[in-house]
Amino acid sequence: MQTEKLSPMMQRYLETKEQYPDCILFYRLGDFYEMF
């Protein structure tokens, strides 16, 4: 996958998910958190 075409948040998500594949990641988007 070409990560340079992804948004900065998605780039960071993929990097973090590689390190913690079995975890649910919470991202703050504005006033709310989203889980991936």
PDB file of N, CA and C in Angstrom:
ATOM      1  N   MET A   1       0.840  -1.174   0.000  1.00  0.00           N
ATOM      2  CA  MET A   1       0.000   0.000   0.000  1.00  0.00           C
ATOM      3  C   MET A   1       0.887   1.240   0.000  1.00  0.00           C
ATOM      4  N   GLN A   2       0.495   2.248  -0.749  1.00  0.00           N
ATOM      5  CA  GLN A   2       1.272   3.485  -0.820  1.00  0.00           C
ATOM      6  C   GLN A   2       0.808   4.424   0.290  1.00  0.00           C
ATOM      7  N   THR A   3       1.566   4.439   1.383  1.00  0.00           N
ATOM      8  CA  THR A   3       1.141   5.224   2.541  1.00  0.00           C
ATOM      9  C   THR A   3       1.258   6.719   2.319  1.00  0.00           C
ATOM     10  N   GLU A   4       2.085   7.160   1.372  1.00  0.00           N
ATOM     11  CA  GLU A   4       2.220   8.599   1.155  1.00  0.00           C
ATOM     12  C   GLU A   4       0.943   9.220   0.594  1.00  0.00           C
ATOM     13  N   LYS A   5       0.040   8.407   0.040  1.00  0.00           N
ATOM     14  CA  LYS A   5      -1.226   8.919  -0.484  1.00  0.00           C
ATOM     15  C   LYS A   5      -2.312   8.970   0.588  1.00  0.00           C
ATOM     16  N   LEU A   6      -2.036   8.406   1.758  1.00  0.00           N
ATOM     17  CA  LEU A   6      -3.007   8.389   2.844  1.00  0.00           C
ATOM     18  C   LEU A   6      -2.896   9.660   3.678  1.00  0.00           C
ATOM     19  N   SER A   7      -3.964   9.945   4.417  1.00  0.00           N
ATOM     20  CA  SER A   7      -3.934  11.093   5.319  1.00  0.00           C
ATOM     21  C   SER A   7      -2.931  10.824   6.442  1.00  0.00           C
ATOM     22  N   PRO A   8      -2.441  11.876   7.093  1.00  0.00           N
ATOM     23  CA  PRO A   8      -1.501  11.676   8.208  1.00  0.00           C
ATOM     24  C   PRO A   8      -2.070  10.783   9.311  1.00  0.00           C
ATOM     25  N   MET A   9      -3.377  10.910   9.596  1.00  0.00           N
ATOM     26  CA  MET A   9      -3.983  10.078  10.631  1.00  0.00           C
ATOM     27  C   MET A   9      -3.955   8.608  10.229  1.00  0.00           C
ATOM     28  N   MET A  10      -4.266   8.309   8.979  1.00  0.00           N
ATOM     29  CA  MET A  10      -4.260   6.919   8.529  1.00  0.00           C
ATOM     30  C   MET A  10      -2.841   6.359   8.469  1.00  0.00           C
ATOM     31  N   GLN A  11      -1.869   7.187   8.135  1.00  0.00           N
ATOM     32  CA  GLN A  11      -0.475   6.746   8.159  1.00  0.00           C
ATOM     33  C   GLN A  11      -0.084   6.349   9.572  1.00  0.00           C
ATOM     34  N   ARG A  12      -0.438   7.196  10.531  1.00  0.00           N
ATOM     35  CA  ARG A  12      -0.126   6.914  11.939  1.00  0.00           C
ATOM     36  C   ARG A  12      -0.864   5.676  12.431  1.00  0.00           C
ATOM     37  N   TYR A  13      -2.129   5.528  12.001  1.00  0.00           N
ATOM     38  CA  TYR A  13      -2.916   4.353  12.377  1.00  0.00           C
ATOM     39  C   TYR A  13      -2.229   3.071  11.912  1.00  0.00           C
ATOM     40  N   LEU A  14      -1.801   3.025  10.664  1.00  0.00           N
ATOM     41  CA  LEU A  14      -1.168   1.819  10.129  1.00  0.00           C
ATOM     42  C   LEU A  14       0.141   1.505  10.840  1.00  0.00           C
ATOM     43  N   GLU A  15       0.918   2.540  11.157  1.00  0.00           N
ATOM     44  CA  GLU A  15       2.169   2.332  11.893  1.00  0.00           C
ATOM     45  C   GLU A  15       1.893   1.753  13.280  1.00  0.00           C
ATOM     46  N   THR A  16       0.913   2.314  13.965  1.00  0.00           N
ATOM     47  CA  THR A  16       0.580   1.866  15.318  1.00  0.00           C
ATOM     48  C   THR A  16      -0.032   0.472  15.294  1.00  0.00           C
ATOM     49  N   LYS A  17      -0.895   0.206  14.323  1.00  0.00           N
ATOM     50  CA  LYS A  17      -1.550  -1.098  14.233  1.00  0.00           C
ATOM     51  C   LYS A  17      -0.544  -2.209  13.954  1.00  0.00           C
ATOM     52  N   GLU A  18       0.524  -1.907  13.236  1.00  0.00           N
ATOM     53  CA  GLU A  18       1.579  -2.901  13.015  1.00  0.00           C
ATOM     54  C   GLU A  18       2.248  -3.282  14.333  1.00  0.00           C
ATOM     55  N   GLN A  19       2.397  -2.305  15.228  1.00  0.00           N
ATOM     56  CA  GLN A  19       3.041  -2.561  16.520  1.00  0.00           C
ATOM     57  C   GLN A  19       2.107  -3.283  17.489  1.00  0.00           C
ATOM     58  N   TYR A  20       0.799  -3.004  17.397  1.00  0.00           N
ATOM     59  CA  TYR A  20      -0.189  -3.556  18.326  1.00  0.00           C
ATOM     60  C   TYR A  20      -1.354  -4.166  17.549  1.00  0.00           C
ATOM     61  N   PRO A  21      -1.125  -5.271  16.846  1.00  0.00           N
ATOM     62  CA  PRO A  21      -2.172  -5.817  15.965  1.00  0.00           C
ATOM     63  C   PRO A  21      -3.406  -6.348  16.695  1.00  0.00           C
ATOM     64  N   ASP A  22      -3.275  -6.724  17.958  1.00  0.00           N
ATOM     65  CA  ASP A  22      -4.401  -7.296  18.690  1.00  0.00           C
ATOM     66  C   ASP A  22      -5.151  -6.276  19.538  1.00  0.00           C
ATOM     67  N   CYS A  23      -4.822  -5.004  19.399  1.00  0.00           N
ATOM     68  CA  CYS A  23      -5.427  -3.963  20.226  1.00  0.00           C
ATOM     69  C   CYS A  23      -6.436  -3.145  19.427  1.00  0.00           C
ATOM     70  N   ILE A  24      -7.403  -2.595  20.147  1.00  0.00           N
ATOM     71  CA  ILE A  24      -8.332  -1.633  19.557  1.00  0.00           C
ATOM     72  C   ILE A  24      -7.733  -0.259  19.774  1.00  0.00           C
ATOM     73  N   LEU A  25      -7.639   0.524  18.720  1.00  0.00           N
ATOM     74  CA  LEU A  25      -7.038   1.853  18.810  1.00  0.00           C
ATOM     75  C   LEU A  25      -8.124   2.914  18.893  1.00  0.00           C
ATOM     76  N   PHE A  26      -7.953   3.842  19.822  1.00  0.00           N
ATOM     77  CA  PHE A  26      -8.866   4.969  19.978  1.00  0.00           C
ATOM     78  C   PHE A  26      -8.201   6.208  19.400  1.00  0.00           C
ATOM     79  N   TYR A  27      -8.911   6.918  18.543  1.00  0.00           N
ATOM     80  CA  TYR A  27      -8.396   8.160  17.968  1.00  0.00           C
ATOM     81  C   TYR A  27      -9.364   9.281  18.280  1.00  0.00           C
ATOM     82  N   ARG A  28      -8.825  10.394  18.734  1.00  0.00           N
ATOM     83  CA  ARG A  28      -9.655  11.556  19.018  1.00  0.00           C
ATOM     84  C   ARG A  28      -9.821  12.354  17.739  1.00  0.00           C
ATOM     85  N   LEU A  29     -11.069  12.505  17.338  1.00  0.00           N
ATOM     86  CA  LEU A  29     -11.404  13.296  16.159  1.00  0.00           C
ATOM     87  C   LEU A  29     -12.361  14.393  16.613  1.00  0.00           C
ATOM     88  N   GLY A  30     -11.831  15.580  16.816  1.00  0.00           N
ATOM     89  CA  GLY A  30     -12.647  16.668  17.355  1.00  0.00           C
ATOM     90  C   GLY A  30     -12.913  16.425  18.829  1.00  0.00           C
ATOM     91  N   ASP A  31     -14.195  16.440  19.206  1.00  0.00           N
ATOM     92  CA  ASP A  31     -14.586  16.232  20.597  1.00  0.00           C
ATOM     93  C   ASP A  31     -14.851  14.767  20.921  1.00  0.00           C
ATOM     94  N   PHE A  32     -14.729  13.896  19.946  1.00  0.00           N
ATOM     95  CA  PHE A  32     -15.109  12.504  20.120  1.00  0.00           C
ATOM     96  C   PHE A  32     -13.937  11.573  19.845  1.00  0.00           C
ATOM     97  N   TYR A  33     -14.061  10.348  20.328  1.00  0.00           N
ATOM     98  CA  TYR A  33     -13.075   9.305  20.045  1.00  0.00           C
ATOM     99  C   TYR A  33     -13.708   8.279  19.113  1.00  0.00           C
ATOM    100  N   GLU A  34     -12.917   7.782  18.186  1.00  0.00           N
ATOM    101  CA  GLU A  34     -13.364   6.709  17.306  1.00  0.00           C
ATOM    102  C   GLU A  34     -12.463   5.506  17.529  1.00  0.00           C
ATOM    103  N   MET A  35     -13.046   4.315  17.450  1.00  0.00           N
ATOM    104  CA  MET A  35     -12.289   3.075  17.652  1.00  0.00           C
ATOM    105  C   MET A  35     -12.062   2.403  16.309  1.00  0.00           C
ATOM    106  N   PHE A  36     -10.850   1.890  16.143  1.00  0.00           N
ATOM    107  CA  PHE A  36     -10.508   1.155  14.920  1.00  0.00           C
ATOM    108  C   PHE A  36      -9.885  -0.160  15.315  1.00  0.00           C
TER     109      PHE A  36
END
